[in-house]
């Protein structure tokens, strides 16, 4: 293993599907692994091990864990949160950010962001220079919200079954994270916030038993 000081950043996102990446000290991607589907959580440990071994890095060689904290489902978000906690126990700093913050980090002053929240609902977040709002919408209201306005989302693939491609203009924050890493991650690291997992619903709502 390398004996040099901390030099790399490990990125994790399990808010929609599995994304793991390794960035160098200048926030360029050394590795980027993306697995579609919702049943890849069992593979994240092996992927991280393979990435670190390939680059001859021990956990203490990581300058920081950068975790996407959501929004996401309770089950999905617990995957990256649990691993972040393990690294934190080993003394590796952890910072995190939210998908709908990405355009704001990049200077977008006004916009809206949508994600499939399951249970027939969609998570909707909008912002401008004076206000931010968050709500859960049914499909009809979600389609109305995004019908005439370019809208950010996790990844278009998660919305394809509910929104016709030709009718809606979705911009992927997942793609922005990959393509604008050198601009985005320095801002996230500088803020240095360790956010709690941001779920589509409160835990009480997520596990509410239907009567």
N, C-alpha and C. Protein backbone atom coordinates (compact mmCIF):
# COMPACT_ATOMS: atom_id res chain seq x y z
N UNK A 1 0.83 -1.19 0.00
CA UNK A 1 0.00 0.00 0.00
C UNK A 1 0.88 1.27 0.00
N UNK A 2 0.36 2.34 -0.57
CA UNK A 2 1.10 3.58 -0.60
C UNK A 2 1.30 4.13 0.79
N UNK A 3 2.51 4.71 1.04
CA UNK A 3 2.79 5.31 2.34
C UNK A 3 2.68 6.83 2.29
N UNK A 4 2.23 7.37 1.17
CA UNK A 4 2.07 8.81 1.04
C UNK A 4 0.88 9.27 1.86
N UNK A 5 0.77 10.59 2.05
CA UNK A 5 -0.33 11.14 2.82
C UNK A 5 -1.64 11.05 2.07
N UNK A 6 -2.73 11.42 2.72
CA UNK A 6 -4.06 11.37 2.09
C UNK A 6 -4.08 12.14 0.77
N UNK A 7 -4.57 11.52 -0.27
CA UNK A 7 -4.49 12.16 -1.58
C UNK A 7 -5.71 11.95 -2.46
N UNK A 8 -6.59 11.03 -2.10
CA UNK A 8 -7.72 10.70 -2.96
C UNK A 8 -9.03 10.85 -2.21
N UNK A 9 -10.10 10.98 -3.02
CA UNK A 9 -11.45 11.12 -2.49
C UNK A 9 -12.29 9.96 -3.00
N UNK A 10 -12.99 9.29 -2.10
CA UNK A 10 -13.91 8.22 -2.49
C UNK A 10 -15.32 8.77 -2.52
N UNK A 11 -16.01 8.57 -3.64
CA UNK A 11 -17.38 9.07 -3.82
C UNK A 11 -18.35 7.91 -3.83
N UNK A 12 -19.47 8.05 -3.10
CA UNK A 12 -20.52 7.02 -3.08
C UNK A 12 -21.89 7.66 -3.24
N UNK A 13 -22.73 7.00 -4.03
CA UNK A 13 -24.11 7.45 -4.22
C UNK A 13 -25.00 6.22 -4.35
N UNK A 14 -25.86 5.99 -3.37
CA UNK A 14 -26.83 4.89 -3.44
C UNK A 14 -28.25 5.43 -3.36
N UNK A 15 -28.43 6.69 -3.73
CA UNK A 15 -29.74 7.33 -3.63
C UNK A 15 -30.72 6.82 -4.68
N UNK A 16 -30.21 6.41 -5.85
CA UNK A 16 -31.08 5.89 -6.91
C UNK A 16 -30.61 4.49 -7.32
N UNK A 17 -29.37 4.39 -7.73
CA UNK A 17 -28.73 3.10 -7.95
C UNK A 17 -27.28 3.23 -7.48
N UNK A 18 -26.46 2.24 -7.72
CA UNK A 18 -25.12 2.23 -7.13
C UNK A 18 -24.11 2.97 -8.00
N UNK A 19 -23.48 3.98 -7.41
CA UNK A 19 -22.40 4.72 -8.06
C UNK A 19 -21.24 4.84 -7.07
N UNK A 20 -20.06 4.42 -7.50
CA UNK A 20 -18.86 4.54 -6.68
C UNK A 20 -17.75 5.09 -7.56
N UNK A 21 -17.00 6.06 -7.04
CA UNK A 21 -15.92 6.63 -7.82
C UNK A 21 -14.73 7.00 -6.95
N UNK A 22 -13.59 7.14 -7.58
CA UNK A 22 -12.37 7.58 -6.91
C UNK A 22 -11.84 8.80 -7.65
N UNK A 23 -11.57 9.87 -6.89
CA UNK A 23 -11.05 11.11 -7.47
C UNK A 23 -9.65 11.36 -6.94
N UNK A 24 -8.80 11.96 -7.80
CA UNK A 24 -7.46 12.30 -7.35
C UNK A 24 -7.49 13.63 -6.60
N UNK A 25 -6.34 14.15 -6.24
CA UNK A 25 -6.26 15.36 -5.42
C UNK A 25 -6.78 16.59 -6.15
N UNK A 26 -6.89 16.51 -7.48
CA UNK A 26 -7.43 17.62 -8.27
C UNK A 26 -8.87 17.37 -8.69
N UNK A 27 -9.50 16.36 -8.10
CA UNK A 27 -10.89 16.00 -8.34
C UNK A 27 -11.16 15.53 -9.77
N UNK A 28 -10.15 14.89 -10.36
CA UNK A 28 -10.35 14.19 -11.62
C UNK A 28 -10.68 12.73 -11.31
N UNK A 29 -11.55 12.13 -12.10
CA UNK A 29 -11.93 10.74 -11.86
C UNK A 29 -10.78 9.80 -12.18
N UNK A 30 -10.43 8.96 -11.23
CA UNK A 30 -9.51 7.84 -11.47
C UNK A 30 -10.30 6.59 -11.80
N UNK A 31 -11.44 6.44 -11.16
CA UNK A 31 -12.33 5.31 -11.38
C UNK A 31 -13.77 5.80 -11.25
N UNK A 32 -14.66 5.18 -12.01
CA UNK A 32 -16.07 5.52 -11.90
C UNK A 32 -16.88 4.28 -12.26
N UNK A 33 -17.62 3.75 -11.30
CA UNK A 33 -18.40 2.53 -11.50
C UNK A 33 -19.87 2.86 -11.27
N UNK A 34 -20.72 2.52 -12.23
CA UNK A 34 -22.15 2.78 -12.12
C UNK A 34 -22.90 1.52 -12.49
N UNK A 35 -23.74 1.02 -11.58
CA UNK A 35 -24.51 -0.19 -11.80
C UNK A 35 -25.99 0.13 -11.71
N UNK A 36 -26.70 -0.06 -12.80
CA UNK A 36 -28.14 0.20 -12.82
C UNK A 36 -28.88 -0.85 -11.99
N UNK A 37 -30.08 -0.52 -11.56
CA UNK A 37 -30.89 -1.45 -10.79
C UNK A 37 -30.77 -1.18 -9.30
N UNK A 38 -31.66 -1.81 -8.55
CA UNK A 38 -31.74 -1.54 -7.11
C UNK A 38 -31.23 -2.70 -6.26
N UNK A 39 -30.63 -3.71 -6.88
CA UNK A 39 -30.20 -4.88 -6.12
C UNK A 39 -28.69 -5.06 -6.15
N UNK A 40 -27.96 -3.96 -6.19
CA UNK A 40 -26.51 -4.02 -6.27
C UNK A 40 -25.82 -3.64 -4.97
N UNK A 41 -26.60 -3.45 -3.90
CA UNK A 41 -26.01 -2.99 -2.64
C UNK A 41 -24.99 -3.97 -2.10
N UNK A 42 -25.18 -5.28 -2.36
CA UNK A 42 -24.25 -6.27 -1.85
C UNK A 42 -22.90 -6.23 -2.54
N UNK A 43 -22.79 -5.47 -3.63
CA UNK A 43 -21.54 -5.43 -4.39
C UNK A 43 -20.66 -4.24 -4.01
N UNK A 44 -21.19 -3.29 -3.24
CA UNK A 44 -20.45 -2.06 -3.00
C UNK A 44 -19.15 -2.31 -2.24
N UNK A 45 -19.17 -3.23 -1.27
CA UNK A 45 -17.95 -3.49 -0.49
C UNK A 45 -16.84 -4.02 -1.40
N UNK A 46 -17.19 -4.95 -2.29
CA UNK A 46 -16.20 -5.51 -3.19
C UNK A 46 -15.67 -4.49 -4.17
N UNK A 47 -16.54 -3.61 -4.66
CA UNK A 47 -16.12 -2.58 -5.61
C UNK A 47 -15.15 -1.62 -4.94
N UNK A 48 -15.46 -1.18 -3.73
CA UNK A 48 -14.56 -0.28 -3.02
C UNK A 48 -13.21 -0.94 -2.78
N UNK A 49 -13.23 -2.20 -2.35
CA UNK A 49 -11.99 -2.93 -2.12
C UNK A 49 -11.16 -3.01 -3.41
N UNK A 50 -11.79 -3.33 -4.53
CA UNK A 50 -11.08 -3.45 -5.79
C UNK A 50 -10.48 -2.11 -6.22
N UNK A 51 -11.22 -1.03 -6.05
CA UNK A 51 -10.73 0.29 -6.43
C UNK A 51 -9.52 0.68 -5.59
N UNK A 52 -9.62 0.50 -4.28
CA UNK A 52 -8.51 0.88 -3.41
C UNK A 52 -7.29 0.01 -3.68
N UNK A 53 -7.50 -1.29 -3.89
CA UNK A 53 -6.38 -2.19 -4.16
C UNK A 53 -5.70 -1.83 -5.49
N UNK A 54 -6.51 -1.52 -6.51
CA UNK A 54 -5.96 -1.17 -7.82
C UNK A 54 -5.03 0.03 -7.73
N UNK A 55 -5.39 0.99 -6.90
CA UNK A 55 -4.59 2.22 -6.77
C UNK A 55 -3.67 2.19 -5.56
N UNK A 56 -3.54 1.01 -4.96
CA UNK A 56 -2.62 0.80 -3.83
C UNK A 56 -2.88 1.80 -2.71
N UNK A 57 -4.15 1.90 -2.36
CA UNK A 57 -4.58 2.83 -1.31
C UNK A 57 -5.15 2.07 -0.13
N UNK A 58 -4.72 2.45 1.05
CA UNK A 58 -5.36 2.00 2.28
C UNK A 58 -6.40 3.05 2.67
N UNK A 59 -7.38 2.70 3.52
CA UNK A 59 -8.38 3.70 3.92
C UNK A 59 -7.77 5.00 4.43
N UNK A 60 -6.65 4.91 5.16
CA UNK A 60 -6.04 6.12 5.71
C UNK A 60 -5.40 6.99 4.62
N UNK A 61 -5.27 6.44 3.39
CA UNK A 61 -4.76 7.24 2.27
C UNK A 61 -5.84 8.11 1.64
N UNK A 62 -7.08 7.94 2.11
CA UNK A 62 -8.18 8.74 1.57
C UNK A 62 -8.26 10.07 2.30
N UNK A 63 -8.28 11.14 1.53
CA UNK A 63 -8.40 12.47 2.12
C UNK A 63 -9.81 12.70 2.67
N UNK A 64 -10.79 12.09 2.01
CA UNK A 64 -12.18 12.32 2.42
C UNK A 64 -13.11 11.33 1.72
N UNK A 65 -14.20 10.99 2.40
CA UNK A 65 -15.32 10.30 1.76
C UNK A 65 -16.34 11.37 1.38
N UNK A 66 -16.75 11.37 0.13
CA UNK A 66 -17.79 12.29 -0.31
C UNK A 66 -19.02 11.44 -0.62
N UNK A 67 -20.05 11.64 0.16
CA UNK A 67 -21.26 10.81 0.06
C UNK A 67 -22.43 11.63 -0.45
N UNK A 68 -23.15 11.07 -1.39
CA UNK A 68 -24.41 11.70 -1.76
C UNK A 68 -25.45 11.27 -0.74
N UNK A 69 -26.04 12.23 -0.05
CA UNK A 69 -26.95 11.94 1.06
C UNK A 69 -28.41 11.88 0.66
N UNK A 70 -28.70 11.87 -0.64
CA UNK A 70 -30.09 11.74 -1.06
C UNK A 70 -30.54 12.88 -1.96
N UNK A 71 -31.84 13.03 -2.07
CA UNK A 71 -32.91 12.23 -1.47
C UNK A 71 -32.95 10.81 -2.02
N UNK A 72 -33.46 9.89 -1.19
CA UNK A 72 -33.56 8.51 -1.60
C UNK A 72 -34.44 7.73 -0.66
N UNK A 73 -34.60 6.46 -0.96
CA UNK A 73 -35.40 5.60 -0.09
C UNK A 73 -34.61 5.27 1.16
N UNK A 74 -35.32 4.84 2.19
CA UNK A 74 -34.66 4.47 3.44
C UNK A 74 -33.67 3.33 3.20
N UNK A 75 -34.09 2.31 2.47
CA UNK A 75 -33.23 1.16 2.22
C UNK A 75 -32.00 1.55 1.41
N UNK A 76 -32.19 2.32 0.36
CA UNK A 76 -31.08 2.71 -0.49
C UNK A 76 -30.06 3.58 0.23
N UNK A 77 -30.54 4.55 0.99
CA UNK A 77 -29.63 5.49 1.63
C UNK A 77 -28.84 4.87 2.76
N UNK A 78 -29.38 3.82 3.40
CA UNK A 78 -28.66 3.20 4.50
C UNK A 78 -27.37 2.51 4.03
N UNK A 79 -27.29 2.16 2.76
CA UNK A 79 -26.10 1.46 2.25
C UNK A 79 -24.88 2.37 2.33
N UNK A 80 -24.94 3.53 1.67
CA UNK A 80 -23.79 4.44 1.68
C UNK A 80 -23.58 5.06 3.05
N UNK A 81 -24.66 5.27 3.79
CA UNK A 81 -24.53 5.85 5.12
C UNK A 81 -23.77 4.89 6.04
N UNK A 82 -24.09 3.61 5.97
CA UNK A 82 -23.40 2.64 6.82
C UNK A 82 -21.92 2.57 6.52
N UNK A 83 -21.56 2.59 5.23
CA UNK A 83 -20.14 2.54 4.86
C UNK A 83 -19.43 3.83 5.24
N UNK A 84 -20.10 4.96 5.09
CA UNK A 84 -19.51 6.24 5.51
C UNK A 84 -19.20 6.23 6.99
N UNK A 85 -20.09 5.65 7.78
CA UNK A 85 -19.85 5.58 9.22
C UNK A 85 -18.63 4.73 9.54
N UNK A 86 -18.43 3.64 8.81
CA UNK A 86 -17.26 2.80 9.03
C UNK A 86 -15.98 3.57 8.75
N UNK A 87 -15.93 4.29 7.63
CA UNK A 87 -14.75 5.10 7.32
C UNK A 87 -14.54 6.18 8.37
N UNK A 88 -15.63 6.78 8.83
CA UNK A 88 -15.53 7.81 9.85
C UNK A 88 -14.92 7.26 11.13
N UNK A 89 -15.32 6.04 11.50
CA UNK A 89 -14.74 5.41 12.69
C UNK A 89 -13.24 5.18 12.54
N UNK A 90 -12.78 5.04 11.30
CA UNK A 90 -11.36 4.84 11.03
C UNK A 90 -10.61 6.17 10.88
N UNK A 91 -11.30 7.27 11.15
CA UNK A 91 -10.66 8.58 11.14
C UNK A 91 -10.65 9.27 9.80
N UNK A 92 -11.38 8.74 8.81
CA UNK A 92 -11.44 9.39 7.50
C UNK A 92 -12.58 10.40 7.51
N UNK A 93 -12.34 11.66 7.19
CA UNK A 93 -13.41 12.66 7.17
C UNK A 93 -14.49 12.31 6.15
N UNK A 94 -15.72 12.65 6.48
CA UNK A 94 -16.85 12.42 5.59
C UNK A 94 -17.59 13.73 5.37
N UNK A 95 -17.86 14.06 4.14
CA UNK A 95 -18.76 15.19 3.86
C UNK A 95 -19.81 14.70 2.87
N UNK A 96 -20.91 15.40 2.80
CA UNK A 96 -22.00 14.93 1.95
C UNK A 96 -22.78 16.11 1.38
N UNK A 97 -23.59 15.78 0.39
CA UNK A 97 -24.41 16.79 -0.27
C UNK A 97 -25.64 16.10 -0.84
N UNK A 98 -26.59 16.88 -1.32
CA UNK A 98 -27.85 16.37 -1.85
C UNK A 98 -27.90 16.57 -3.37
N UNK A 99 -28.59 15.66 -4.04
CA UNK A 99 -28.69 15.76 -5.50
C UNK A 99 -29.26 17.10 -5.94
N UNK A 100 -30.30 17.57 -5.25
CA UNK A 100 -30.92 18.82 -5.73
C UNK A 100 -30.07 20.05 -5.41
N UNK A 101 -28.97 19.86 -4.65
CA UNK A 101 -28.05 20.97 -4.42
C UNK A 101 -27.07 21.16 -5.57
N UNK A 102 -26.90 20.14 -6.41
CA UNK A 102 -25.88 20.19 -7.46
C UNK A 102 -26.04 21.40 -8.37
N UNK A 103 -27.23 21.67 -8.96
CA UNK A 103 -27.36 22.86 -9.80
C UNK A 103 -27.06 24.15 -9.03
N UNK A 104 -27.44 24.18 -7.75
CA UNK A 104 -27.20 25.37 -6.94
C UNK A 104 -25.71 25.58 -6.70
N UNK A 105 -24.97 24.51 -6.44
CA UNK A 105 -23.52 24.61 -6.32
C UNK A 105 -22.91 25.18 -7.60
N UNK A 106 -23.51 24.81 -8.74
CA UNK A 106 -22.97 25.22 -10.03
C UNK A 106 -23.52 26.56 -10.50
N UNK A 107 -24.23 27.27 -9.62
CA UNK A 107 -24.64 28.63 -9.92
C UNK A 107 -26.02 28.80 -10.51
N UNK A 108 -26.84 27.76 -10.53
CA UNK A 108 -28.20 27.87 -11.05
C UNK A 108 -29.08 28.48 -9.96
N UNK A 109 -29.60 29.65 -10.20
CA UNK A 109 -30.31 30.41 -9.17
C UNK A 109 -31.76 29.99 -8.99
N UNK A 110 -32.33 29.35 -9.99
CA UNK A 110 -33.74 28.98 -9.92
C UNK A 110 -33.94 27.68 -10.69
N UNK A 111 -34.73 26.77 -10.12
CA UNK A 111 -34.98 25.52 -10.82
C UNK A 111 -35.85 24.58 -10.03
N UNK A 112 -36.01 23.37 -10.54
CA UNK A 112 -36.80 22.36 -9.86
C UNK A 112 -36.19 20.98 -10.12
N UNK A 113 -36.45 20.07 -9.18
CA UNK A 113 -35.83 18.74 -9.20
C UNK A 113 -36.88 17.71 -8.82
N UNK A 114 -36.89 16.59 -9.54
CA UNK A 114 -37.92 15.57 -9.34
C UNK A 114 -37.28 14.19 -9.23
N UNK A 115 -37.85 13.36 -8.36
CA UNK A 115 -37.40 11.97 -8.24
C UNK A 115 -38.59 11.07 -7.94
N UNK A 116 -38.52 9.84 -8.41
CA UNK A 116 -39.56 8.87 -8.09
C UNK A 116 -39.41 8.43 -6.65
N UNK A 117 -40.44 8.65 -5.85
CA UNK A 117 -40.37 8.36 -4.42
C UNK A 117 -41.08 7.06 -4.06
N UNK A 118 -41.48 6.28 -5.07
CA UNK A 118 -42.18 5.01 -4.87
C UNK A 118 -43.53 5.26 -4.19
N UNK A 119 -44.27 4.19 -3.94
CA UNK A 119 -45.60 4.27 -3.33
C UNK A 119 -46.53 5.20 -4.12
N UNK A 120 -46.30 5.30 -5.43
CA UNK A 120 -47.13 6.13 -6.28
C UNK A 120 -46.89 7.62 -6.14
N UNK A 121 -45.77 8.01 -5.53
CA UNK A 121 -45.49 9.43 -5.28
C UNK A 121 -44.16 9.85 -5.89
N UNK A 122 -44.02 11.17 -6.06
CA UNK A 122 -42.80 11.76 -6.60
C UNK A 122 -42.35 12.89 -5.68
N UNK A 123 -41.06 12.90 -5.42
CA UNK A 123 -40.44 13.93 -4.58
C UNK A 123 -40.12 15.13 -5.46
N UNK A 124 -40.61 16.30 -5.08
CA UNK A 124 -40.43 17.51 -5.88
C UNK A 124 -39.81 18.60 -5.03
N UNK A 125 -38.72 19.17 -5.53
CA UNK A 125 -38.03 20.26 -4.84
C UNK A 125 -37.85 21.41 -5.82
N UNK A 126 -38.17 22.61 -5.40
CA UNK A 126 -37.95 23.79 -6.24
C UNK A 126 -37.24 24.86 -5.43
N UNK A 127 -36.52 25.71 -6.12
CA UNK A 127 -35.79 26.77 -5.43
C UNK A 127 -35.66 28.01 -6.32
N UNK A 128 -35.54 29.14 -5.66
CA UNK A 128 -35.14 30.38 -6.31
C UNK A 128 -34.28 31.14 -5.31
N UNK A 129 -33.94 32.36 -5.60
CA UNK A 129 -33.02 33.10 -4.74
C UNK A 129 -33.63 33.43 -3.38
N UNK A 130 -34.95 33.34 -3.26
CA UNK A 130 -35.61 33.74 -2.02
C UNK A 130 -36.26 32.60 -1.25
N UNK A 131 -36.47 31.47 -1.90
CA UNK A 131 -37.28 30.44 -1.24
C UNK A 131 -36.94 29.05 -1.76
N UNK A 132 -37.23 28.03 -0.94
CA UNK A 132 -37.10 26.63 -1.33
C UNK A 132 -38.33 25.89 -0.84
N UNK A 133 -38.86 24.99 -1.67
CA UNK A 133 -40.03 24.22 -1.26
C UNK A 133 -39.82 22.75 -1.62
N UNK A 134 -40.40 21.87 -0.81
CA UNK A 134 -40.30 20.43 -1.02
C UNK A 134 -41.68 19.82 -0.77
N UNK A 135 -42.09 18.89 -1.64
CA UNK A 135 -43.39 18.25 -1.46
C UNK A 135 -43.42 16.90 -2.16
N UNK A 136 -44.36 16.06 -1.76
CA UNK A 136 -44.60 14.79 -2.43
C UNK A 136 -45.85 14.93 -3.30
N UNK A 137 -45.74 14.50 -4.57
CA UNK A 137 -46.83 14.68 -5.52
C UNK A 137 -47.25 13.34 -6.11
N UNK A 138 -48.53 13.25 -6.51
CA UNK A 138 -48.94 12.08 -7.29
C UNK A 138 -48.48 12.27 -8.73
N UNK A 139 -48.67 11.25 -9.55
CA UNK A 139 -48.15 11.30 -10.92
C UNK A 139 -48.74 12.44 -11.73
N UNK A 140 -50.04 12.65 -11.61
CA UNK A 140 -50.69 13.71 -12.39
C UNK A 140 -50.11 15.08 -12.05
N UNK A 141 -49.96 15.37 -10.78
CA UNK A 141 -49.42 16.67 -10.37
C UNK A 141 -47.95 16.80 -10.76
N UNK A 142 -47.20 15.70 -10.66
CA UNK A 142 -45.79 15.72 -11.05
C UNK A 142 -45.64 16.01 -12.54
N UNK A 143 -46.48 15.38 -13.36
CA UNK A 143 -46.43 15.63 -14.80
C UNK A 143 -46.78 17.07 -15.11
N UNK A 144 -47.72 17.62 -14.37
CA UNK A 144 -48.10 19.02 -14.57
C UNK A 144 -46.95 19.96 -14.21
N UNK A 145 -46.26 19.66 -13.12
CA UNK A 145 -45.16 20.51 -12.65
C UNK A 145 -44.02 20.58 -13.67
N UNK A 146 -43.76 19.47 -14.33
CA UNK A 146 -42.58 19.42 -15.20
C UNK A 146 -42.92 19.52 -16.69
N UNK A 147 -44.19 19.69 -17.03
CA UNK A 147 -44.61 19.65 -18.43
C UNK A 147 -44.02 20.77 -19.27
N UNK A 148 -43.83 21.94 -18.69
CA UNK A 148 -43.38 23.09 -19.47
C UNK A 148 -42.05 23.65 -18.99
N UNK A 149 -41.45 23.04 -17.99
CA UNK A 149 -40.24 23.59 -17.39
C UNK A 149 -39.13 22.55 -17.37
N UNK A 150 -37.94 22.87 -17.87
CA UNK A 150 -36.82 21.94 -17.74
C UNK A 150 -36.61 21.58 -16.27
N UNK A 151 -36.47 20.29 -15.99
CA UNK A 151 -36.45 19.82 -14.61
C UNK A 151 -35.25 18.90 -14.38
N UNK A 152 -34.58 19.10 -13.27
CA UNK A 152 -33.47 18.22 -12.90
C UNK A 152 -34.02 16.95 -12.25
N UNK A 153 -33.25 15.88 -12.34
CA UNK A 153 -33.62 14.61 -11.72
C UNK A 153 -32.34 13.85 -11.39
N UNK A 154 -32.47 12.75 -10.61
CA UNK A 154 -31.33 11.85 -10.40
C UNK A 154 -30.75 11.44 -11.75
N UNK A 155 -31.55 10.56 -12.41
CA UNK A 155 -31.20 9.97 -13.69
C UNK A 155 -32.50 9.77 -14.46
N UNK A 156 -32.50 10.11 -15.73
CA UNK A 156 -33.73 10.01 -16.52
C UNK A 156 -34.28 8.59 -16.53
N UNK A 157 -33.42 7.59 -16.46
CA UNK A 157 -33.87 6.20 -16.56
C UNK A 157 -34.88 5.83 -15.48
N UNK A 158 -34.79 6.49 -14.30
CA UNK A 158 -35.71 6.17 -13.21
C UNK A 158 -37.10 6.75 -13.43
N UNK A 159 -37.24 7.64 -14.42
CA UNK A 159 -38.53 8.29 -14.67
C UNK A 159 -39.15 7.87 -16.01
N UNK A 160 -38.44 7.06 -16.78
CA UNK A 160 -38.89 6.76 -18.14
C UNK A 160 -40.25 6.07 -18.21
N UNK A 161 -40.58 5.27 -17.21
CA UNK A 161 -41.85 4.55 -17.26
C UNK A 161 -43.05 5.46 -17.01
N UNK A 162 -42.81 6.59 -16.38
CA UNK A 162 -43.92 7.48 -16.00
C UNK A 162 -43.99 8.76 -16.82
N UNK A 163 -42.91 9.08 -17.55
CA UNK A 163 -42.87 10.33 -18.31
C UNK A 163 -42.37 10.03 -19.72
N UNK A 164 -43.14 10.42 -20.72
CA UNK A 164 -42.75 10.21 -22.10
C UNK A 164 -41.53 11.07 -22.43
N UNK A 165 -40.52 10.46 -23.04
CA UNK A 165 -39.27 11.17 -23.33
C UNK A 165 -39.49 12.41 -24.16
N UNK A 166 -40.41 12.33 -25.11
CA UNK A 166 -40.62 13.44 -26.03
C UNK A 166 -41.35 14.62 -25.40
N UNK A 167 -41.98 14.39 -24.25
CA UNK A 167 -42.83 15.42 -23.66
C UNK A 167 -42.18 16.20 -22.52
N UNK A 168 -41.07 15.68 -21.98
CA UNK A 168 -40.50 16.31 -20.79
C UNK A 168 -38.99 16.48 -20.96
N UNK A 169 -38.48 17.58 -20.44
CA UNK A 169 -37.07 17.91 -20.55
C UNK A 169 -36.40 17.70 -19.20
N UNK A 170 -35.76 16.54 -19.02
CA UNK A 170 -35.09 16.24 -17.76
C UNK A 170 -33.58 16.40 -17.90
N UNK A 171 -32.98 17.03 -16.90
CA UNK A 171 -31.54 17.25 -16.84
C UNK A 171 -31.01 16.43 -15.66
N UNK A 172 -30.05 15.57 -15.89
CA UNK A 172 -29.60 14.65 -14.86
C UNK A 172 -28.53 15.26 -13.96
N UNK A 173 -28.82 15.34 -12.66
CA UNK A 173 -27.76 15.76 -11.74
C UNK A 173 -26.69 14.68 -11.63
N UNK A 174 -27.07 13.42 -11.87
CA UNK A 174 -26.07 12.36 -11.89
C UNK A 174 -25.01 12.61 -12.96
N UNK A 175 -25.43 13.07 -14.12
CA UNK A 175 -24.49 13.38 -15.20
C UNK A 175 -23.65 14.61 -14.88
N UNK A 176 -24.26 15.60 -14.25
CA UNK A 176 -23.51 16.80 -13.87
C UNK A 176 -22.39 16.45 -12.89
N UNK A 177 -22.70 15.56 -11.94
CA UNK A 177 -21.69 15.15 -10.96
C UNK A 177 -20.50 14.53 -11.66
N UNK A 178 -20.75 13.70 -12.67
CA UNK A 178 -19.66 13.05 -13.39
C UNK A 178 -18.91 14.04 -14.28
N UNK A 179 -19.63 14.82 -15.04
CA UNK A 179 -19.00 15.68 -16.05
C UNK A 179 -18.36 16.93 -15.47
N UNK A 180 -18.85 17.42 -14.35
CA UNK A 180 -18.34 18.67 -13.78
C UNK A 180 -17.70 18.44 -12.41
N UNK A 181 -17.07 17.30 -12.25
CA UNK A 181 -16.48 16.94 -10.96
C UNK A 181 -15.46 17.96 -10.49
N UNK A 182 -14.60 18.43 -11.39
CA UNK A 182 -13.54 19.35 -10.97
C UNK A 182 -14.06 20.71 -10.53
N UNK A 183 -15.27 21.05 -10.96
CA UNK A 183 -15.90 22.30 -10.53
C UNK A 183 -16.74 22.09 -9.28
N UNK A 184 -17.41 20.95 -9.21
CA UNK A 184 -18.38 20.70 -8.15
C UNK A 184 -17.74 20.26 -6.84
N UNK A 185 -16.88 19.26 -6.89
CA UNK A 185 -16.39 18.66 -5.65
C UNK A 185 -15.52 19.59 -4.79
N UNK A 186 -14.73 20.50 -5.37
CA UNK A 186 -14.03 21.45 -4.49
C UNK A 186 -14.99 22.29 -3.64
N UNK A 187 -16.14 22.64 -4.21
CA UNK A 187 -17.13 23.42 -3.47
C UNK A 187 -17.75 22.60 -2.35
N UNK A 188 -18.04 21.34 -2.65
CA UNK A 188 -18.61 20.44 -1.64
C UNK A 188 -17.60 20.19 -0.52
N UNK A 189 -16.36 19.93 -0.89
CA UNK A 189 -15.32 19.68 0.11
C UNK A 189 -15.07 20.92 0.97
N UNK A 190 -15.08 22.08 0.34
CA UNK A 190 -14.87 23.33 1.08
C UNK A 190 -15.97 23.54 2.10
N UNK A 191 -17.22 23.26 1.72
CA UNK A 191 -18.32 23.39 2.68
C UNK A 191 -18.14 22.42 3.83
N UNK A 192 -17.75 21.19 3.51
CA UNK A 192 -17.40 20.21 4.54
C UNK A 192 -18.55 19.74 5.41
N UNK A 193 -19.77 19.84 4.93
CA UNK A 193 -20.93 19.47 5.75
C UNK A 193 -21.12 17.95 5.77
N UNK A 194 -21.45 17.43 6.92
CA UNK A 194 -21.80 16.01 7.07
C UNK A 194 -23.30 15.96 7.28
N UNK A 195 -24.05 15.71 6.21
CA UNK A 195 -25.51 15.73 6.26
C UNK A 195 -26.04 14.36 6.65
N UNK A 196 -27.14 14.35 7.36
CA UNK A 196 -27.84 13.10 7.63
C UNK A 196 -28.50 12.62 6.35
N UNK A 197 -28.73 11.31 6.22
CA UNK A 197 -29.43 10.82 5.02
C UNK A 197 -30.77 11.52 4.84
N UNK A 198 -31.04 11.94 3.63
CA UNK A 198 -32.27 12.66 3.33
C UNK A 198 -33.21 11.68 2.64
N UNK A 199 -34.24 11.27 3.34
CA UNK A 199 -35.19 10.29 2.81
C UNK A 199 -36.36 11.00 2.13
N UNK A 200 -36.98 10.29 1.20
CA UNK A 200 -38.17 10.84 0.56
C UNK A 200 -39.25 11.14 1.60
N UNK A 201 -39.31 10.30 2.64
CA UNK A 201 -40.30 10.46 3.71
C UNK A 201 -39.61 10.32 5.06
N UNK A 202 -40.31 10.74 6.10
CA UNK A 202 -39.80 10.47 7.44
C UNK A 202 -39.82 8.96 7.68
N UNK A 203 -39.05 8.50 8.64
CA UNK A 203 -39.02 7.07 8.94
C UNK A 203 -40.40 6.57 9.33
N UNK A 204 -41.16 7.36 10.10
CA UNK A 204 -42.53 6.97 10.48
C UNK A 204 -43.41 6.78 9.26
N UNK A 205 -43.28 7.68 8.28
CA UNK A 205 -44.07 7.56 7.06
C UNK A 205 -43.62 6.38 6.22
N UNK A 206 -42.31 6.14 6.18
CA UNK A 206 -41.76 5.07 5.35
C UNK A 206 -42.25 3.71 5.80
N UNK A 207 -42.39 3.52 7.12
CA UNK A 207 -42.76 2.21 7.65
C UNK A 207 -44.17 2.20 8.24
N UNK A 208 -44.99 3.14 7.80
CA UNK A 208 -46.36 3.20 8.27
C UNK A 208 -47.13 1.95 7.82
N UNK A 209 -47.83 1.33 8.74
CA UNK A 209 -48.60 0.14 8.44
C UNK A 209 -50.00 0.54 7.97
N UNK A 210 -50.37 0.07 6.79
CA UNK A 210 -51.69 0.40 6.26
C UNK A 210 -52.78 -0.29 7.06
N UNK A 211 -53.84 0.45 7.32
CA UNK A 211 -54.97 -0.12 8.07
C UNK A 211 -55.98 -0.73 7.12
